[in-house]
């Protein structure tokens, strides 16, 4: 194994990710293999009472597309999987990974070919509120062998090429609040239903910009959403200066919605995302 999951969080600017998603490497050093780099990011959790949303991972595998021609039972056989990481448990606070920030999970040389699925084994999950209250969550029984994440479109590994895959962990869908989110006394707990998507960076682009009321008044904590076929594909919360960034968006045309309590909801149609490019979209909102 070329490398392990790195200790702590390694933050990489999203534009750098796009620029390096398919860089050439030296074939003689890797025996004709290609390199897969796996990074983790987060669609936000718009609950101000939550301080951390933590997952613990101890194994990550990637499946050959040859599984498509296998039976359902055969498609899960170990021979179809390449182990990318297996070892010491690593914790990631997903709330550190918003607005285009990523944590590099691993970088490893694997055989050329097509890969269609990542299997991630999550051993623990917990939510920590800002008052220090901790909720340790039950991992769904159906994911005991690992959470299956489809890579769309499939990842094609070529000899001598670095290909990056971003895993977008949708925290708001994965950590389902039980109780009233508007009051810390109303939160009774959380149900963990992990929702992730995987996309190869060379097929994806970025949408970024600023949400503002006027030239001198940015709007923080506005919820910016990318909609595909009436489904939220990805989302972000604006930072203190009103800026947002959404990465790993498959090339295509989308609708975007921006919401913030006290402001009129803003909808923008026909937002075009191009592979390996950045679309700048500033959004002005009114009360």
C-alpha atoms as a PDB file:
ATOM      1  CA  UNK A   1       0.000   0.000   0.000  1.00  0.00           C
ATOM      2  CA  UNK A   2       1.453   3.314  -1.062  1.00  0.00           C
ATOM      3  CA  UNK A   3       0.029   5.343   1.779  1.00  0.00           C
ATOM      4  CA  UNK A   4      -2.278   5.183   4.770  1.00  0.00           C
ATOM      5  CA  UNK A   5      -5.087   7.458   5.757  1.00  0.00           C
ATOM      6  CA  UNK A   6      -3.256  10.488   7.012  1.00  0.00           C
ATOM      7  CA  UNK A   7      -3.471  11.385  10.685  1.00  0.00           C
ATOM      8  CA  UNK A   8      -5.527  14.474  11.348  1.00  0.00           C
ATOM      9  CA  UNK A   9      -7.230  16.391   8.543  1.00  0.00           C
ATOM     10  CA  UNK A  10      -5.368  17.454   5.420  1.00  0.00           C
ATOM     11  CA  UNK A  11      -7.150  20.368   3.817  1.00  0.00           C
ATOM     12  CA  UNK A  12      -6.830  20.918   0.081  1.00  0.00           C
ATOM     13  CA  UNK A  13      -8.265  23.828  -1.889  1.00  0.00           C
ATOM     14  CA  UNK A  14     -10.948  22.585  -4.260  1.00  0.00           C
ATOM     15  CA  UNK A  15      -9.508  24.343  -7.296  1.00  0.00           C
ATOM     16  CA  UNK A  16      -6.230  22.507  -6.705  1.00  0.00           C
ATOM     17  CA  UNK A  17      -8.138  19.236  -6.643  1.00  0.00           C
ATOM     18  CA  UNK A  18      -9.540  19.931 -10.094  1.00  0.00           C
ATOM     19  CA  UNK A  19      -6.157  20.916 -11.473  1.00  0.00           C
ATOM     20  CA  UNK A  20      -4.495  17.745 -10.211  1.00  0.00           C
ATOM     21  CA  UNK A  21      -7.267  15.196 -10.788  1.00  0.00           C
ATOM     22  CA  UNK A  22      -5.528  13.534 -13.726  1.00  0.00           C
ATOM     23  CA  UNK A  23      -1.837  14.427 -13.428  1.00  0.00           C
ATOM     24  CA  UNK A  24       0.791  12.248 -15.086  1.00  0.00           C
ATOM     25  CA  UNK A  25       3.072  10.145 -12.880  1.00  0.00           C
ATOM     26  CA  UNK A  26       6.153   8.054 -13.532  1.00  0.00           C
ATOM     27  CA  UNK A  27       5.192   4.583 -14.846  1.00  0.00           C
ATOM     28  CA  UNK A  28       8.518   3.056 -13.827  1.00  0.00           C
ATOM     29  CA  UNK A  29       7.857   3.864 -10.175  1.00  0.00           C
ATOM     30  CA  UNK A  30       4.447   2.206  -9.947  1.00  0.00           C
ATOM     31  CA  UNK A  31       4.807  -0.857 -12.187  1.00  0.00           C
ATOM     32  CA  UNK A  32       2.309   0.321 -14.801  1.00  0.00           C
ATOM     33  CA  UNK A  33      -0.419   1.053 -12.271  1.00  0.00           C
ATOM     34  CA  UNK A  34      -2.499   4.200 -11.920  1.00  0.00           C
ATOM     35  CA  UNK A  35      -3.086   6.147  -8.706  1.00  0.00           C
ATOM     36  CA  UNK A  36      -6.401   6.760  -7.005  1.00  0.00           C
ATOM     37  CA  UNK A  37      -6.638   9.630  -4.501  1.00  0.00           C
ATOM     38  CA  UNK A  38      -9.709   9.520  -2.261  1.00  0.00           C
ATOM     39  CA  UNK A  39     -10.905  12.667  -0.479  1.00  0.00           C
ATOM     40  CA  UNK A  40     -13.837  13.371   1.835  1.00  0.00           C
ATOM     41  CA  UNK A  41     -16.054  16.461   1.914  1.00  0.00           C
ATOM     42  CA  UNK A  42     -19.398  17.366   3.496  1.00  0.00           C
ATOM     43  CA  UNK A  43     -22.763  18.807   2.579  1.00  0.00           C
ATOM     44  CA  UNK A  44     -23.591  20.949   5.633  1.00  0.00           C
ATOM     45  CA  UNK A  45     -25.656  20.325   8.724  1.00  0.00           C
ATOM     46  CA  UNK A  46     -27.759  23.481   9.268  1.00  0.00           C
ATOM     47  CA  UNK A  47     -28.253  23.030  13.016  1.00  0.00           C
ATOM     48  CA  UNK A  48     -26.513  25.722  15.064  1.00  0.00           C
ATOM     49  CA  UNK A  49     -26.569  23.641  18.273  1.00  0.00           C
ATOM     50  CA  UNK A  50     -24.286  20.941  16.828  1.00  0.00           C
ATOM     51  CA  UNK A  51     -20.525  21.257  17.355  1.00  0.00           C
ATOM     52  CA  UNK A  52     -19.262  18.019  15.766  1.00  0.00           C
ATOM     53  CA  UNK A  53     -20.567  15.185  13.594  1.00  0.00           C
ATOM     54  CA  UNK A  54     -17.917  12.455  13.769  1.00  0.00           C
ATOM     55  CA  UNK A  55     -17.491   9.214  11.842  1.00  0.00           C
ATOM     56  CA  UNK A  56     -14.806   6.561  12.426  1.00  0.00           C
ATOM     57  CA  UNK A  57     -13.486   4.541   9.460  1.00  0.00           C
ATOM     58  CA  UNK A  58     -11.236   1.457   9.509  1.00  0.00           C
ATOM     59  CA  UNK A  59     -11.481  -0.004   5.993  1.00  0.00           C
ATOM     60  CA  UNK A  60     -12.025   1.235   2.428  1.00  0.00           C
ATOM     61  CA  UNK A  61     -12.276  -0.922  -0.706  1.00  0.00           C
ATOM     62  CA  UNK A  62     -12.977  -0.273  -4.379  1.00  0.00           C
ATOM     63  CA  UNK A  63     -14.810  -2.694  -6.689  1.00  0.00           C
ATOM     64  CA  UNK A  64     -13.966  -3.629 -10.269  1.00  0.00           C
ATOM     65  CA  UNK A  65     -16.718  -2.930 -12.794  1.00  0.00           C
ATOM     66  CA  UNK A  66     -16.508  -6.621 -13.718  1.00  0.00           C
ATOM     67  CA  UNK A  67     -19.037  -7.077 -10.901  1.00  0.00           C
ATOM     68  CA  UNK A  68     -21.734  -5.786 -13.266  1.00  0.00           C
ATOM     69  CA  UNK A  69     -21.698  -9.077 -15.168  1.00  0.00           C
ATOM     70  CA  UNK A  70     -21.723 -11.130 -11.958  1.00  0.00           C
ATOM     71  CA  UNK A  71     -24.780 -12.302 -10.051  1.00  0.00           C
ATOM     72  CA  UNK A  72     -25.891 -10.313  -7.014  1.00  0.00           C
ATOM     73  CA  UNK A  73     -24.261 -12.870  -4.727  1.00  0.00           C
ATOM     74  CA  UNK A  74     -21.017 -12.971  -6.735  1.00  0.00           C
ATOM     75  CA  UNK A  75     -20.779  -9.153  -6.990  1.00  0.00           C
ATOM     76  CA  UNK A  76     -19.817  -8.941  -3.319  1.00  0.00           C
ATOM     77  CA  UNK A  77     -16.977 -11.473  -3.472  1.00  0.00           C
ATOM     78  CA  UNK A  78     -13.606 -10.230  -2.143  1.00  0.00           C
ATOM     79  CA  UNK A  79     -11.878 -11.059  -5.457  1.00  0.00           C
ATOM     80  CA  UNK A  80     -13.697  -8.173  -7.128  1.00  0.00           C
ATOM     81  CA  UNK A  81     -12.483  -5.667  -4.536  1.00  0.00           C
ATOM     82  CA  UNK A  82      -9.127  -3.958  -4.048  1.00  0.00           C
ATOM     83  CA  UNK A  83      -8.410  -2.951  -0.452  1.00  0.00           C
ATOM     84  CA  UNK A  84      -7.348   0.692  -0.411  1.00  0.00           C
ATOM     85  CA  UNK A  85      -6.988   0.951   3.361  1.00  0.00           C
ATOM     86  CA  UNK A  86      -7.376  -1.371   6.334  1.00  0.00           C
ATOM     87  CA  UNK A  87      -5.945  -0.655   9.749  1.00  0.00           C
ATOM     88  CA  UNK A  88      -6.109   1.765  12.642  1.00  0.00           C
ATOM     89  CA  UNK A  89      -9.450   3.519  13.078  1.00  0.00           C
ATOM     90  CA  UNK A  90      -9.458   7.162  11.966  1.00  0.00           C
ATOM     91  CA  UNK A  91     -11.927   9.812  13.104  1.00  0.00           C
ATOM     92  CA  UNK A  92     -13.201  12.624  10.902  1.00  0.00           C
ATOM     93  CA  UNK A  93     -15.330  15.545  12.075  1.00  0.00           C
ATOM     94  CA  UNK A  94     -17.497  16.124   9.028  1.00  0.00           C
ATOM     95  CA  UNK A  95     -18.382  19.650  10.099  1.00  0.00           C
ATOM     96  CA  UNK A  96     -14.750  20.616   9.416  1.00  0.00           C
ATOM     97  CA  UNK A  97     -15.266  19.688   5.765  1.00  0.00           C
ATOM     98  CA  UNK A  98     -17.774  22.225   4.492  1.00  0.00           C
ATOM     99  CA  UNK A  99     -17.650  24.812   1.696  1.00  0.00           C
ATOM    100  CA  UNK A 100     -15.264  22.877  -0.527  1.00  0.00           C
ATOM    101  CA  UNK A 101     -12.814  21.836   2.197  1.00  0.00           C
ATOM    102  CA  UNK A 102     -11.677  18.224   1.936  1.00  0.00           C
ATOM    103  CA  UNK A 103      -9.721  15.687   3.956  1.00  0.00           C
ATOM    104  CA  UNK A 104      -7.482  13.335   2.002  1.00  0.00           C
ATOM    105  CA  UNK A 105      -8.295   9.775   2.988  1.00  0.00           C
ATOM    106  CA  UNK A 106      -5.639   7.973   0.985  1.00  0.00           C
ATOM    107  CA  UNK A 107      -3.486   7.797  -2.128  1.00  0.00           C
ATOM    108  CA  UNK A 108      -2.716   4.377  -3.592  1.00  0.00           C
ATOM    109  CA  UNK A 109      -1.524   2.702  -6.798  1.00  0.00           C
ATOM    110  CA  UNK A 110      -4.004   0.184  -8.247  1.00  0.00           C
ATOM    111  CA  UNK A 111      -4.308  -1.808 -11.466  1.00  0.00           C
ATOM    112  CA  UNK A 112      -5.681  -0.064 -14.570  1.00  0.00           C
ATOM    113  CA  UNK A 113      -9.340  -0.726 -15.272  1.00  0.00           C
ATOM    114  CA  UNK A 114     -12.861   0.475 -14.537  1.00  0.00           C
ATOM    115  CA  UNK A 115     -14.210   0.720 -10.988  1.00  0.00           C
ATOM    116  CA  UNK A 116     -17.839   1.382 -10.112  1.00  0.00           C
ATOM    117  CA  UNK A 117     -18.242   1.197  -6.341  1.00  0.00           C
ATOM    118  CA  UNK A 118     -16.484   2.094  -3.096  1.00  0.00           C
ATOM    119  CA  UNK A 119     -17.166   0.178   0.106  1.00  0.00           C
ATOM    120  CA  UNK A 120     -16.406   2.059   3.313  1.00  0.00           C
ATOM    121  CA  UNK A 121     -16.544   0.411   6.725  1.00  0.00           C
ATOM    122  CA  UNK A 122     -17.784   2.851   9.376  1.00  0.00           C
ATOM    123  CA  UNK A 123     -17.278   1.555  12.908  1.00  0.00           C
ATOM    124  CA  UNK A 124     -18.630   4.481  14.962  1.00  0.00           C
ATOM    125  CA  UNK A 125     -20.632   7.676  14.591  1.00  0.00           C
ATOM    126  CA  UNK A 126     -21.460  10.374  17.102  1.00  0.00           C
ATOM    127  CA  UNK A 127     -22.861  13.881  17.369  1.00  0.00           C
ATOM    128  CA  UNK A 128     -21.536  16.357  19.933  1.00  0.00           C
ATOM    129  CA  UNK A 129     -23.661  19.386  20.779  1.00  0.00           C
ATOM    130  CA  UNK A 130     -22.115  22.745  21.657  1.00  0.00           C
ATOM    131  CA  UNK A 131     -23.179  22.257  25.275  1.00  0.00           C
ATOM    132  CA  UNK A 132     -20.970  19.132  25.436  1.00  0.00           C
ATOM    133  CA  UNK A 133     -23.784  16.598  25.257  1.00  0.00           C
ATOM    134  CA  UNK A 134     -22.697  13.531  23.252  1.00  0.00           C
ATOM    135  CA  UNK A 135     -24.934  11.171  21.281  1.00  0.00           C
ATOM    136  CA  UNK A 136     -23.246   7.894  20.291  1.00  0.00           C
ATOM    137  CA  UNK A 137     -25.153   6.501  17.328  1.00  0.00           C
ATOM    138  CA  UNK A 138     -25.982   2.974  16.247  1.00  0.00           C
ATOM    139  CA  UNK A 139     -24.459   1.900  12.943  1.00  0.00           C
ATOM    140  CA  UNK A 140     -27.159   0.420  10.643  1.00  0.00           C
ATOM    141  CA  UNK A 141     -27.009  -3.371  10.579  1.00  0.00           C
ATOM    142  CA  UNK A 142     -27.216  -3.430   6.787  1.00  0.00           C
ATOM    143  CA  UNK A 143     -23.816  -1.747   6.520  1.00  0.00           C
ATOM    144  CA  UNK A 144     -21.894  -4.300   8.600  1.00  0.00           C
ATOM    145  CA  UNK A 145     -19.793  -5.310   5.572  1.00  0.00           C
ATOM    146  CA  UNK A 146     -19.324  -1.696   4.565  1.00  0.00           C
ATOM    147  CA  UNK A 147     -21.336   1.202   3.189  1.00  0.00           C
ATOM    148  CA  UNK A 148     -21.648   0.894  -0.605  1.00  0.00           C
ATOM    149  CA  UNK A 149     -21.147   4.103  -2.599  1.00  0.00           C
ATOM    150  CA  UNK A 150     -21.667   4.086  -6.369  1.00  0.00           C
ATOM    151  CA  UNK A 151     -19.109   5.998  -8.455  1.00  0.00           C
ATOM    152  CA  UNK A 152     -21.002   7.903 -11.167  1.00  0.00           C
ATOM    153  CA  UNK A 153     -19.739   7.989 -13.840  1.00  0.00           C
ATOM    154  CA  UNK A 154     -17.423   5.049 -13.256  1.00  0.00           C
ATOM    155  CA  UNK A 155     -13.774   5.634 -12.368  1.00  0.00           C
ATOM    156  CA  UNK A 156     -11.329   4.643 -15.107  1.00  0.00           C
ATOM    157  CA  UNK A 157      -7.793   4.083 -13.851  1.00  0.00           C
ATOM    158  CA  UNK A 158      -5.077   4.479 -16.485  1.00  0.00           C
ATOM    159  CA  UNK A 159      -1.430   3.563 -16.185  1.00  0.00           C
ATOM    160  CA  UNK A 160       0.630   6.541 -15.065  1.00  0.00           C
ATOM    161  CA  UNK A 161      -2.343   8.788 -14.299  1.00  0.00           C
ATOM    162  CA  UNK A 162      -3.563  10.166 -10.954  1.00  0.00           C
ATOM    163  CA  UNK A 163      -7.365  10.129 -10.645  1.00  0.00           C
ATOM    164  CA  UNK A 164      -9.132  11.776  -7.741  1.00  0.00           C
ATOM    165  CA  UNK A 165     -12.482  10.717  -6.320  1.00  0.00           C
ATOM    166  CA  UNK A 166     -14.384  12.911  -3.862  1.00  0.00           C
ATOM    167  CA  UNK A 167     -16.827  11.378  -1.382  1.00  0.00           C
ATOM    168  CA  UNK A 168     -19.541  13.881  -0.471  1.00  0.00           C
ATOM    169  CA  UNK A 169     -21.020  12.965   2.935  1.00  0.00           C
ATOM    170  CA  UNK A 170     -24.474  14.542   3.244  1.00  0.00           C
ATOM    171  CA  UNK A 171     -24.588  15.215   6.988  1.00  0.00           C
ATOM    172  CA  UNK A 172     -28.099  16.678   7.065  1.00  0.00           C
ATOM    173  CA  UNK A 173     -29.512  13.457   5.572  1.00  0.00           C
ATOM    174  CA  UNK A 174     -27.122  11.121   7.406  1.00  0.00           C
ATOM    175  CA  UNK A 175     -27.724  12.408  10.947  1.00  0.00           C
ATOM    176  CA  UNK A 176     -31.499  12.546  11.369  1.00  0.00           C
ATOM    177  CA  UNK A 177     -32.501  14.707  14.331  1.00  0.00           C
ATOM    178  CA  UNK A 178     -35.019  13.316  16.802  1.00  0.00           C
ATOM    179  CA  UNK A 179     -36.906  16.134  18.542  1.00  0.00           C
ATOM    180  CA  UNK A 180     -36.943  19.917  18.112  1.00  0.00           C
ATOM    181  CA  UNK A 181     -33.799  21.301  16.441  1.00  0.00           C
ATOM    182  CA  UNK A 182     -34.629  24.847  17.547  1.00  0.00           C
ATOM    183  CA  UNK A 183     -34.055  23.997  21.207  1.00  0.00           C
ATOM    184  CA  UNK A 184     -31.176  22.080  22.790  1.00  0.00           C
ATOM    185  CA  UNK A 185     -33.651  20.634  25.281  1.00  0.00           C
ATOM    186  CA  UNK A 186     -35.773  19.481  22.360  1.00  0.00           C
ATOM    187  CA  UNK A 187     -33.090  17.324  20.725  1.00  0.00           C
ATOM    188  CA  UNK A 188     -33.692  13.759  21.901  1.00  0.00           C
ATOM    189  CA  UNK A 189     -31.068  12.073  19.772  1.00  0.00           C
ATOM    190  CA  UNK A 190     -30.050  11.223  16.209  1.00  0.00           C
ATOM    191  CA  UNK A 191     -30.535   8.306  13.842  1.00  0.00           C
ATOM    192  CA  UNK A 192     -27.534   7.521  11.638  1.00  0.00           C
ATOM    193  CA  UNK A 193     -28.509   6.788   8.028  1.00  0.00           C
ATOM    194  CA  UNK A 194     -25.341   7.450   6.036  1.00  0.00           C
ATOM    195  CA  UNK A 195     -25.871   9.099   2.642  1.00  0.00           C
ATOM    196  CA  UNK A 196     -22.846   9.612   0.378  1.00  0.00           C
ATOM    197  CA  UNK A 197     -22.112  10.104  -3.290  1.00  0.00           C
ATOM    198  CA  UNK A 198     -18.824   9.554  -5.117  1.00  0.00           C
ATOM    199  CA  UNK A 199     -17.632  11.472  -8.159  1.00  0.00           C
ATOM    200  CA  UNK A 200     -14.382  11.467 -10.127  1.00  0.00           C
ATOM    201  CA  UNK A 201     -13.008  14.996 -10.267  1.00  0.00           C
ATOM    202  CA  UNK A 202     -12.154  14.873 -13.964  1.00  0.00           C
ATOM    203  CA  UNK A 203     -15.871  14.623 -14.739  1.00  0.00           C
ATOM    204  CA  UNK A 204     -16.949  17.317 -12.293  1.00  0.00           C
ATOM    205  CA  UNK A 205     -16.803  21.056 -11.727  1.00  0.00           C
ATOM    206  CA  UNK A 206     -17.250  23.717  -9.054  1.00  0.00           C
ATOM    207  CA  UNK A 207     -19.869  26.367  -8.362  1.00  0.00           C
ATOM    208  CA  UNK A 208     -18.753  29.162  -6.049  1.00  0.00           C
ATOM    209  CA  UNK A 209     -19.694  32.717  -5.238  1.00  0.00           C
ATOM    210  CA  UNK A 210     -21.038  35.123  -2.653  1.00  0.00           C
ATOM    211  CA  UNK A 211     -24.491  35.628  -1.165  1.00  0.00           C
ATOM    212  CA  UNK A 212     -25.197  39.244  -0.246  1.00  0.00           C
ATOM    213  CA  UNK A 213     -27.893  41.786   0.491  1.00  0.00           C
ATOM    214  CA  UNK A 214     -25.956  44.707  -0.992  1.00  0.00           C
ATOM    215  CA  UNK A 215     -22.360  45.610  -1.789  1.00  0.00           C
ATOM    216  CA  UNK A 216     -21.444  46.000   1.897  1.00  0.00           C
ATOM    217  CA  UNK A 217     -23.715  43.406   3.512  1.00  0.00           C
ATOM    218  CA  UNK A 218     -22.795  39.718   3.014  1.00  0.00           C
ATOM    219  CA  UNK A 219     -25.245  37.083   4.238  1.00  0.00           C
ATOM    220  CA  UNK A 220     -23.657  34.366   6.405  1.00  0.00           C
ATOM    221  CA  UNK A 221     -25.233  30.919   6.971  1.00  0.00           C
ATOM    222  CA  UNK A 222     -27.377  31.103   3.851  1.00  0.00           C
ATOM    223  CA  UNK A 223     -28.251  27.615   2.595  1.00  0.00           C
ATOM    224  CA  UNK A 224     -27.198  27.236  -1.061  1.00  0.00           C
ATOM    225  CA  UNK A 225     -28.520  24.102  -2.780  1.00  0.00           C
ATOM    226  CA  UNK A 226     -27.872  22.476  -6.152  1.00  0.00           C
ATOM    227  CA  UNK A 227     -31.005  20.743  -7.459  1.00  0.00           C
ATOM    228  CA  UNK A 228     -31.038  17.945 -10.013  1.00  0.00           C
ATOM    229  CA  UNK A 229     -34.381  16.428 -11.060  1.00  0.00           C
ATOM    230  CA  UNK A 230     -36.079  17.891  -7.960  1.00  0.00           C
ATOM    231  CA  UNK A 231     -33.465  16.283  -5.684  1.00  0.00           C
ATOM    232  CA  UNK A 232     -30.810  18.157  -3.712  1.00  0.00           C
ATOM    233  CA  UNK A 233     -27.505  16.968  -5.197  1.00  0.00           C
ATOM    234  CA  UNK A 234     -25.270  19.056  -2.930  1.00  0.00           C
ATOM    235  CA  UNK A 235     -25.456  22.090  -0.674  1.00  0.00           C
ATOM    236  CA  UNK A 236     -23.361  24.559   1.300  1.00  0.00           C
ATOM    237  CA  UNK A 237     -23.728  27.153   4.040  1.00  0.00           C
ATOM    238  CA  UNK A 238     -22.140  30.533   3.384  1.00  0.00           C
ATOM    239  CA  UNK A 239     -19.301  31.570   5.690  1.00  0.00           C
ATOM    240  CA  UNK A 240     -19.028  34.793   7.730  1.00  0.00           C
ATOM    241  CA  UNK A 241     -18.195  36.770   4.578  1.00  0.00           C
ATOM    242  CA  UNK A 242     -21.076  35.294   2.566  1.00  0.00           C
ATOM    243  CA  UNK A 243     -18.883  33.050   0.430  1.00  0.00           C
ATOM    244  CA  UNK A 244     -19.772  29.474  -0.539  1.00  0.00           C
ATOM    245  CA  UNK A 245     -18.221  26.717  -2.650  1.00  0.00           C
ATOM    246  CA  UNK A 246     -19.687  23.470  -3.973  1.00  0.00           C
ATOM    247  CA  UNK A 247     -17.265  20.898  -5.373  1.00  0.00           C
ATOM    248  CA  UNK A 248     -17.604  17.529  -7.110  1.00  0.00           C
ATOM    249  CA  UNK A 249     -20.647  18.486  -9.212  1.00  0.00           C
ATOM    250  CA  UNK A 250     -21.019  16.274 -12.310  1.00  0.00           C
ATOM    251  CA  UNK A 251     -20.995  18.308 -15.515  1.00  0.00           C
ATOM    252  CA  UNK A 252     -24.541  19.339 -16.411  1.00  0.00           C
ATOM    253  CA  UNK A 253     -27.236  21.986 -16.020  1.00  0.00           C
ATOM    254  CA  UNK A 254     -28.822  22.541 -12.611  1.00  0.00           C
ATOM    255  CA  UNK A 255     -31.265  24.651 -10.665  1.00  0.00           C
ATOM    256  CA  UNK A 256     -29.912  26.418  -7.580  1.00  0.00           C
ATOM    257  CA  UNK A 257     -31.879  27.581  -4.553  1.00  0.00           C
ATOM    258  CA  UNK A 258     -30.652  29.921  -1.823  1.00  0.00           C
ATOM    259  CA  UNK A 259     -32.530  30.257   1.489  1.00  0.00           C
ATOM    260  CA  UNK A 260     -32.028  32.201   4.701  1.00  0.00           C
ATOM    261  CA  UNK A 261     -34.587  32.972   7.386  1.00  0.00           C
ATOM    262  CA  UNK A 262     -35.763  36.577   7.032  1.00  0.00           C
ATOM    263  CA  UNK A 263     -35.012  36.697   3.289  1.00  0.00           C
ATOM    264  CA  UNK A 264     -37.029  35.860   0.173  1.00  0.00           C
ATOM    265  CA  UNK A 265     -35.986  32.490  -1.261  1.00  0.00           C
ATOM    266  CA  UNK A 266     -33.968  32.906  -4.447  1.00  0.00           C
ATOM    267  CA  UNK A 267     -34.095  30.393  -7.317  1.00  0.00           C
ATOM    268  CA  UNK A 268     -31.679  30.415 -10.253  1.00  0.00           C
ATOM    269  CA  UNK A 269     -32.400  28.186 -13.267  1.00  0.00           C
ATOM    270  CA  UNK A 270     -30.034  26.899 -15.933  1.00  0.00           C
ATOM    271  CA  UNK A 271     -26.780  26.974 -13.971  1.00  0.00           C
ATOM    272  CA  UNK A 272     -24.212  25.281 -16.211  1.00  0.00           C
ATOM    273  CA  UNK A 273     -21.395  23.233 -14.670  1.00  0.00           C
ATOM    274  CA  UNK A 274     -18.490  22.174 -16.892  1.00  0.00           C
ATOM    275  CA  UNK A 275     -15.989  19.436 -16.122  1.00  0.00           C
ATOM    276  CA  UNK A 276     -12.795  20.718 -14.469  1.00  0.00           C
ATOM    277  CA  UNK A 277     -14.062  24.315 -14.528  1.00  0.00           C
ATOM    278  CA  UNK A 278     -15.310  26.755 -11.915  1.00  0.00           C
ATOM    279  CA  UNK A 279     -18.646  28.526 -12.365  1.00  0.00           C
ATOM    280  CA  UNK A 280     -18.902  31.779 -10.396  1.00  0.00           C
ATOM    281  CA  UNK A 281     -22.427  32.601  -9.248  1.00  0.00           C
ATOM    282  CA  UNK A 282     -23.068  35.512  -6.874  1.00  0.00           C
ATOM    283  CA  UNK A 283     -26.563  35.644  -5.368  1.00  0.00           C
ATOM    284  CA  UNK A 284     -28.334  38.773  -4.139  1.00  0.00           C
ATOM    285  CA  UNK A 285     -31.199  38.274  -1.703  1.00  0.00           C
ATOM    286  CA  UNK A 286     -33.913  40.644  -0.479  1.00  0.00           C
ATOM    287  CA  UNK A 287     -35.927  40.784   2.731  1.00  0.00           C
END
